[in-house]
């Protein structure tokens, strides 16, 4: 399987633009480059753990954007496996648990990365005896039509 780097992805998305925009005119619509420390991010605390949203502003070629870190308590999950039009990468950085991808479960361990394309069910749950942390990169292309939902009758989340 071929893998795209983020730079290659940006070029691909820019080349697929269907409307005049800052992508095609050369101006840079992204915010300033930044290094963000966890202590500078306000955590969204929930009954399953906490989420730290590091970057949520649109970039030159991506809109919407979500880059953050989830810290899930042992035995918990943020939500049931779900699906949406955005593409998403998740990388386990601490702990272990269970991935769910299109109805199949498999172990999740440090260093694993999941890629979920648009409309694929995906999720992660911390093991009963281990908290889990992961980094998320979720995005869609700016001025690119979202992929059509192949089955709109399916629910957003699977229990």
Protein backbone atom coordinates (compact mmCIF):
# COMPACT_ATOMS: atom_id res chain seq x y z
CA UNK A 1 0.00 0.00 0.00
CA UNK A 2 1.36 3.42 -0.92
CA UNK A 3 1.34 6.05 1.82
CA UNK A 4 1.15 9.80 1.35
CA UNK A 5 3.21 12.21 3.39
CA UNK A 6 1.39 15.27 4.69
CA UNK A 7 3.28 17.36 2.09
CA UNK A 8 2.17 15.06 -0.72
CA UNK A 9 -1.37 15.15 0.63
CA UNK A 10 -1.33 18.96 0.63
CA UNK A 11 -0.13 19.03 -2.99
CA UNK A 12 -2.76 16.49 -4.00
CA UNK A 13 -5.52 18.46 -2.32
CA UNK A 14 -4.33 21.73 -3.85
CA UNK A 15 -4.31 20.14 -7.30
CA UNK A 16 -7.87 18.87 -6.83
CA UNK A 17 -9.30 22.25 -5.90
CA UNK A 18 -12.44 23.04 -7.87
CA UNK A 19 -12.96 26.67 -6.91
CA UNK A 20 -10.72 29.74 -6.87
CA UNK A 21 -9.29 30.12 -3.39
CA UNK A 22 -6.21 31.00 -1.44
CA UNK A 23 -5.00 27.52 -2.45
CA UNK A 24 -4.93 28.41 -6.13
CA UNK A 25 -4.15 32.11 -5.87
CA UNK A 26 -1.01 31.64 -3.78
CA UNK A 27 -2.00 33.47 -0.59
CA UNK A 28 -1.58 31.50 2.62
CA UNK A 29 -4.82 31.09 4.58
CA UNK A 30 -3.20 29.14 7.43
CA UNK A 31 -2.55 30.62 10.83
CA UNK A 32 1.01 31.18 11.97
CA UNK A 33 3.38 28.26 12.44
CA UNK A 34 3.48 27.27 16.09
CA UNK A 35 4.81 24.88 18.70
CA UNK A 36 2.12 24.20 21.28
CA UNK A 37 2.77 22.73 24.71
CA UNK A 38 0.16 20.62 26.50
CA UNK A 39 0.11 23.09 29.40
CA UNK A 40 -1.06 25.81 26.96
CA UNK A 41 -4.09 23.76 25.85
CA UNK A 42 -7.37 23.77 27.76
CA UNK A 43 -8.47 20.18 28.32
CA UNK A 44 -12.05 19.12 27.60
CA UNK A 45 -12.68 16.84 30.58
CA UNK A 46 -15.34 14.14 30.30
CA UNK A 47 -16.39 10.98 32.15
CA UNK A 48 -14.10 8.89 29.87
CA UNK A 49 -10.96 11.04 30.35
CA UNK A 50 -9.77 14.27 28.67
CA UNK A 51 -9.19 15.68 25.19
CA UNK A 52 -6.57 18.33 24.43
CA UNK A 53 -7.38 20.19 21.17
CA UNK A 54 -3.99 21.51 20.00
CA UNK A 55 -4.99 22.81 16.56
CA UNK A 56 -8.51 23.48 15.29
CA UNK A 57 -7.99 26.35 12.83
CA UNK A 58 -8.27 25.75 9.11
CA UNK A 59 -5.06 25.60 7.12
CA UNK A 60 -4.07 26.62 3.62
CA UNK A 61 -5.58 23.44 2.10
CA UNK A 62 -7.56 21.77 4.92
CA UNK A 63 -10.93 22.62 6.45
CA UNK A 64 -12.04 21.51 8.99
CA UNK A 65 -8.97 20.49 10.98
CA UNK A 66 -8.64 18.77 14.33
CA UNK A 67 -5.27 17.85 15.83
CA UNK A 68 -5.28 16.81 19.45
CA UNK A 69 -4.46 14.29 22.13
CA UNK A 70 -7.01 12.08 23.87
CA UNK A 71 -6.26 10.57 27.28
CA UNK A 72 -8.75 7.77 27.88
CA UNK A 73 -9.24 6.16 31.31
CA UNK A 74 -8.91 2.37 31.59
CA UNK A 75 -11.93 0.56 30.16
CA UNK A 76 -13.36 3.70 28.53
CA UNK A 77 -13.84 5.10 25.02
CA UNK A 78 -14.63 8.60 23.80
CA UNK A 79 -17.63 7.33 21.85
CA UNK A 80 -18.75 4.20 20.05
CA UNK A 81 -17.18 3.46 16.66
CA UNK A 82 -18.45 6.15 14.32
CA UNK A 83 -18.27 7.38 10.73
CA UNK A 84 -18.08 10.78 9.04
CA UNK A 85 -17.01 12.50 5.82
CA UNK A 86 -13.60 13.55 7.19
CA UNK A 87 -10.44 11.46 6.90
CA UNK A 88 -8.68 10.68 10.15
CA UNK A 89 -5.41 9.29 11.52
CA UNK A 90 -5.10 8.06 15.12
CA UNK A 91 -1.76 7.11 16.72
CA UNK A 92 -1.48 5.32 20.06
CA UNK A 93 1.28 6.99 22.09
CA UNK A 94 0.73 5.35 25.51
CA UNK A 95 -1.10 2.35 26.85
CA UNK A 96 -3.07 -0.30 25.05
CA UNK A 97 -6.62 -1.09 24.05
CA UNK A 98 -8.73 -2.24 21.13
CA UNK A 99 -9.11 -0.71 17.67
CA UNK A 100 -12.42 -1.01 15.85
CA UNK A 101 -12.35 -0.61 12.07
CA UNK A 102 -15.43 -1.42 9.98
CA UNK A 103 -16.74 -3.88 12.56
CA UNK A 104 -13.44 -5.70 13.12
CA UNK A 105 -11.61 -5.43 16.44
CA UNK A 106 -7.88 -5.91 16.98
CA UNK A 107 -5.35 -5.01 19.69
CA UNK A 108 -4.13 -1.40 19.85
CA UNK A 109 -0.61 -0.84 21.20
CA UNK A 110 1.89 2.02 21.40
CA UNK A 111 3.15 3.00 17.97
CA UNK A 112 0.07 1.78 16.05
CA UNK A 113 -1.51 4.19 13.58
CA UNK A 114 -5.03 3.83 12.22
CA UNK A 115 -6.16 5.55 9.02
CA UNK A 116 -9.92 5.88 8.54
CA UNK A 117 -11.10 7.06 5.17
CA UNK A 118 -14.38 8.92 4.82
CA UNK A 119 -17.46 6.94 5.92
CA UNK A 120 -15.54 4.00 7.43
CA UNK A 121 -16.54 3.07 10.98
CA UNK A 122 -13.61 3.52 13.37
CA UNK A 123 -12.90 3.85 17.07
CA UNK A 124 -10.63 2.89 19.95
CA UNK A 125 -11.23 1.70 23.50
CA UNK A 126 -8.72 1.57 26.36
CA UNK A 127 -8.05 -1.85 27.88
CA UNK A 128 -9.83 -2.55 31.17
CA UNK A 129 -6.50 -2.43 33.03
CA UNK A 130 -4.70 0.29 31.02
CA UNK A 131 -5.35 3.94 30.26
CA UNK A 132 -4.62 4.88 26.65
CA UNK A 133 -3.43 8.04 24.91
CA UNK A 134 -3.62 8.79 21.22
CA UNK A 135 -2.98 11.66 18.84
CA UNK A 136 -5.67 12.46 16.27
CA UNK A 137 -5.32 14.21 12.90
CA UNK A 138 -8.79 14.74 11.38
CA UNK A 139 -9.41 16.86 8.30
CA UNK A 140 -11.14 17.47 4.98
CA UNK A 141 -9.86 19.30 1.93
CA UNK A 142 -10.77 22.92 1.47
CA UNK A 143 -12.97 23.57 -1.60
CA UNK A 144 -13.23 19.84 -2.30
CA UNK A 145 -16.58 18.15 -2.21
CA UNK A 146 -16.80 15.59 0.58
CA UNK A 147 -17.09 11.99 -0.58
CA UNK A 148 -20.68 10.89 -0.96
CA UNK A 149 -21.98 8.74 1.88
CA UNK A 150 -22.25 5.28 0.29
CA UNK A 151 -25.15 4.34 2.57
CA UNK A 152 -26.95 7.29 4.23
CA UNK A 153 -29.27 4.85 6.01
CA UNK A 154 -26.40 3.74 8.30
CA UNK A 155 -26.20 5.37 11.75
CA UNK A 156 -23.35 7.76 12.62
CA UNK A 157 -22.34 5.54 15.57
CA UNK A 158 -22.36 1.77 16.11
CA UNK A 159 -23.06 0.57 19.66
